[in-house]
Amino acid sequence: MYNTHVKELILNKGALSFGKVRSKSITGKHLLIAYSQLKFFRTVGALITRRFPEYEELSGLMAGRLQSSMGEVSKKFRSIL
């Protein structure tokens, strides 16, 4: 769910239209925060999988989606620089 919100608010600039961001554009700061949070969720997913191996398939799916989003955020950040 968080992954979907990052795509909607940060990558698709939905935060600007909803008034969630006070600046006039999505900045590198916003992208770096989103990237860090996606990385955190990926790490937590890996820790859950170690503790509860029955969730390994779900964690793998989640990690793939998070990694994809992290790639998109990274690509957007590089385009800003």
C-alpha atoms as a PDB file:
ATOM      1  CA  MET A   1       0.000   0.000   0.000  1.00  0.00           C
ATOM      2  CA  TYR A   2       2.831   2.402   0.839  1.00  0.00           C
ATOM      3  CA  ASN A   3       4.508   1.564  -2.463  1.00  0.00           C
ATOM      4  CA  THR A   4       1.337   2.565  -4.328  1.00  0.00           C
ATOM      5  CA  HIS A   5       1.121   5.861  -2.441  1.00  0.00           C
ATOM      6  CA  VAL A   6       4.753   6.696  -3.209  1.00  0.00           C
ATOM      7  CA  LYS A   7       4.090   6.185  -6.902  1.00  0.00           C
ATOM      8  CA  GLU A   8       0.926   8.261  -6.792  1.00  0.00           C
ATOM      9  CA  LEU A   9       2.162  11.133  -4.630  1.00  0.00           C
ATOM     10  CA  ILE A  10       5.848  11.417  -5.485  1.00  0.00           C
ATOM     11  CA  LEU A  11       6.487   9.881  -8.900  1.00  0.00           C
ATOM     12  CA  ASN A  12       3.226  11.020 -10.486  1.00  0.00           C
ATOM     13  CA  LYS A  13       3.347  14.364  -8.634  1.00  0.00           C
ATOM     14  CA  GLY A  14      -0.035  13.777  -6.986  1.00  0.00           C
ATOM     15  CA  ALA A  15       1.193  15.485  -3.818  1.00  0.00           C
ATOM     16  CA  LEU A  16       1.256  18.774  -5.694  1.00  0.00           C
ATOM     17  CA  SER A  17      -2.350  18.531  -6.829  1.00  0.00           C
ATOM     18  CA  PHE A  18      -3.536  17.426  -3.359  1.00  0.00           C
ATOM     19  CA  GLY A  19      -1.635  20.248  -1.646  1.00  0.00           C
ATOM     20  CA  LYS A  20       0.486  17.827   0.416  1.00  0.00           C
ATOM     21  CA  VAL A  21       3.750  19.503  -0.627  1.00  0.00           C
ATOM     22  CA  ARG A  22       4.231  23.198   0.014  1.00  0.00           C
ATOM     23  CA  SER A  23       6.766  23.712  -2.755  1.00  0.00           C
ATOM     24  CA  LYS A  24       5.844  24.093  -6.407  1.00  0.00           C
ATOM     25  CA  SER A  25       7.611  20.924  -7.479  1.00  0.00           C
ATOM     26  CA  ILE A  26       8.767  17.543  -6.232  1.00  0.00           C
ATOM     27  CA  THR A  27      12.393  18.057  -5.212  1.00  0.00           C
ATOM     28  CA  GLY A  28      15.356  15.775  -4.708  1.00  0.00           C
ATOM     29  CA  LYS A  29      14.636  15.891  -0.977  1.00  0.00           C
ATOM     30  CA  HIS A  30      11.211  14.326  -1.518  1.00  0.00           C
ATOM     31  CA  LEU A  31      12.681  11.650  -3.758  1.00  0.00           C
ATOM     32  CA  LEU A  32      15.452  10.803  -1.290  1.00  0.00           C
ATOM     33  CA  ILE A  33      12.973  10.481   1.575  1.00  0.00           C
ATOM     34  CA  ALA A  34      10.752   8.216  -0.527  1.00  0.00           C
ATOM     35  CA  TYR A  35      13.772   6.100  -1.536  1.00  0.00           C
ATOM     36  CA  SER A  36      14.907   5.751   2.083  1.00  0.00           C
ATOM     37  CA  GLN A  37      11.467   4.693   3.223  1.00  0.00           C
ATOM     38  CA  LEU A  38      11.126   2.125   0.432  1.00  0.00           C
ATOM     39  CA  LYS A  39      14.536   0.741   1.396  1.00  0.00           C
ATOM     40  CA  PHE A  40      13.376   0.534   5.028  1.00  0.00           C
ATOM     41  CA  PHE A  41      10.258  -1.446   4.058  1.00  0.00           C
ATOM     42  CA  ARG A  42      12.367  -3.790   1.936  1.00  0.00           C
ATOM     43  CA  THR A  43      14.655  -4.416   4.927  1.00  0.00           C
ATOM     44  CA  VAL A  44      11.728  -5.018   7.268  1.00  0.00           C
ATOM     45  CA  GLY A  45      10.260  -7.488   4.767  1.00  0.00           C
ATOM     46  CA  ALA A  46      13.535  -9.417   4.727  1.00  0.00           C
ATOM     47  CA  LEU A  47      13.593  -9.524   8.530  1.00  0.00           C
ATOM     48  CA  ILE A  48      10.016 -10.805   8.652  1.00  0.00           C
ATOM     49  CA  THR A  49      10.895 -13.523   6.157  1.00  0.00           C
ATOM     50  CA  ARG A  50      13.808 -14.677   8.308  1.00  0.00           C
ATOM     51  CA  ARG A  51      11.563 -14.898  11.353  1.00  0.00           C
ATOM     52  CA  PHE A  52       8.539 -16.373   9.565  1.00  0.00           C
ATOM     53  CA  PRO A  53       9.686 -18.479   6.574  1.00  0.00           C
ATOM     54  CA  GLU A  54       6.073 -19.189   5.566  1.00  0.00           C
ATOM     55  CA  TYR A  55       5.874 -15.603   4.260  1.00  0.00           C
ATOM     56  CA  GLU A  56       8.852 -16.033   1.938  1.00  0.00           C
ATOM     57  CA  GLU A  57       6.811 -16.013  -1.280  1.00  0.00           C
ATOM     58  CA  LEU A  58       4.871 -12.900  -0.259  1.00  0.00           C
ATOM     59  CA  SER A  59       8.063 -11.184   0.873  1.00  0.00           C
ATOM     60  CA  GLY A  60       9.727 -11.953  -2.455  1.00  0.00           C
ATOM     61  CA  LEU A  61       6.828 -10.401  -4.330  1.00  0.00           C
ATOM     62  CA  MET A  62       6.866  -7.352  -2.069  1.00  0.00           C
ATOM     63  CA  ALA A  63      10.653  -6.987  -2.378  1.00  0.00           C
ATOM     64  CA  GLY A  64      10.394  -7.079  -6.170  1.00  0.00           C
ATOM     65  CA  ARG A  65       7.789  -4.337  -6.234  1.00  0.00           C
ATOM     66  CA  LEU A  66       9.738  -2.205  -3.775  1.00  0.00           C
ATOM     67  CA  GLN A  67      12.936  -2.670  -5.767  1.00  0.00           C
ATOM     68  CA  SER A  68      11.110  -1.611  -8.922  1.00  0.00           C
ATOM     69  CA  SER A  69       9.822   1.525  -7.225  1.00  0.00           C
ATOM     70  CA  MET A  70      13.255   2.269  -5.805  1.00  0.00           C
ATOM     71  CA  GLY A  71      14.610   2.086  -9.351  1.00  0.00           C
ATOM     72  CA  GLU A  72      11.952   4.502 -10.587  1.00  0.00           C
ATOM     73  CA  VAL A  73      12.658   6.954  -7.757  1.00  0.00           C
ATOM     74  CA  SER A  74      16.395   6.710  -8.411  1.00  0.00           C
ATOM     75  CA  LYS A  75      15.875   7.309 -12.135  1.00  0.00           C
ATOM     76  CA  LYS A  76      13.692  10.356 -11.422  1.00  0.00           C
ATOM     77  CA  PHE A  77      16.299  11.697  -8.978  1.00  0.00           C
ATOM     78  CA  ARG A  78      19.061  11.350 -11.580  1.00  0.00           C
ATOM     79  CA  SER A  79      16.916  13.204 -14.106  1.00  0.00           C
ATOM     80  CA  ILE A  80      16.557  16.109 -11.672  1.00  0.00           C
ATOM     81  CA  LEU A  81      20.312  16.343 -11.187  1.00  0.00           C
END
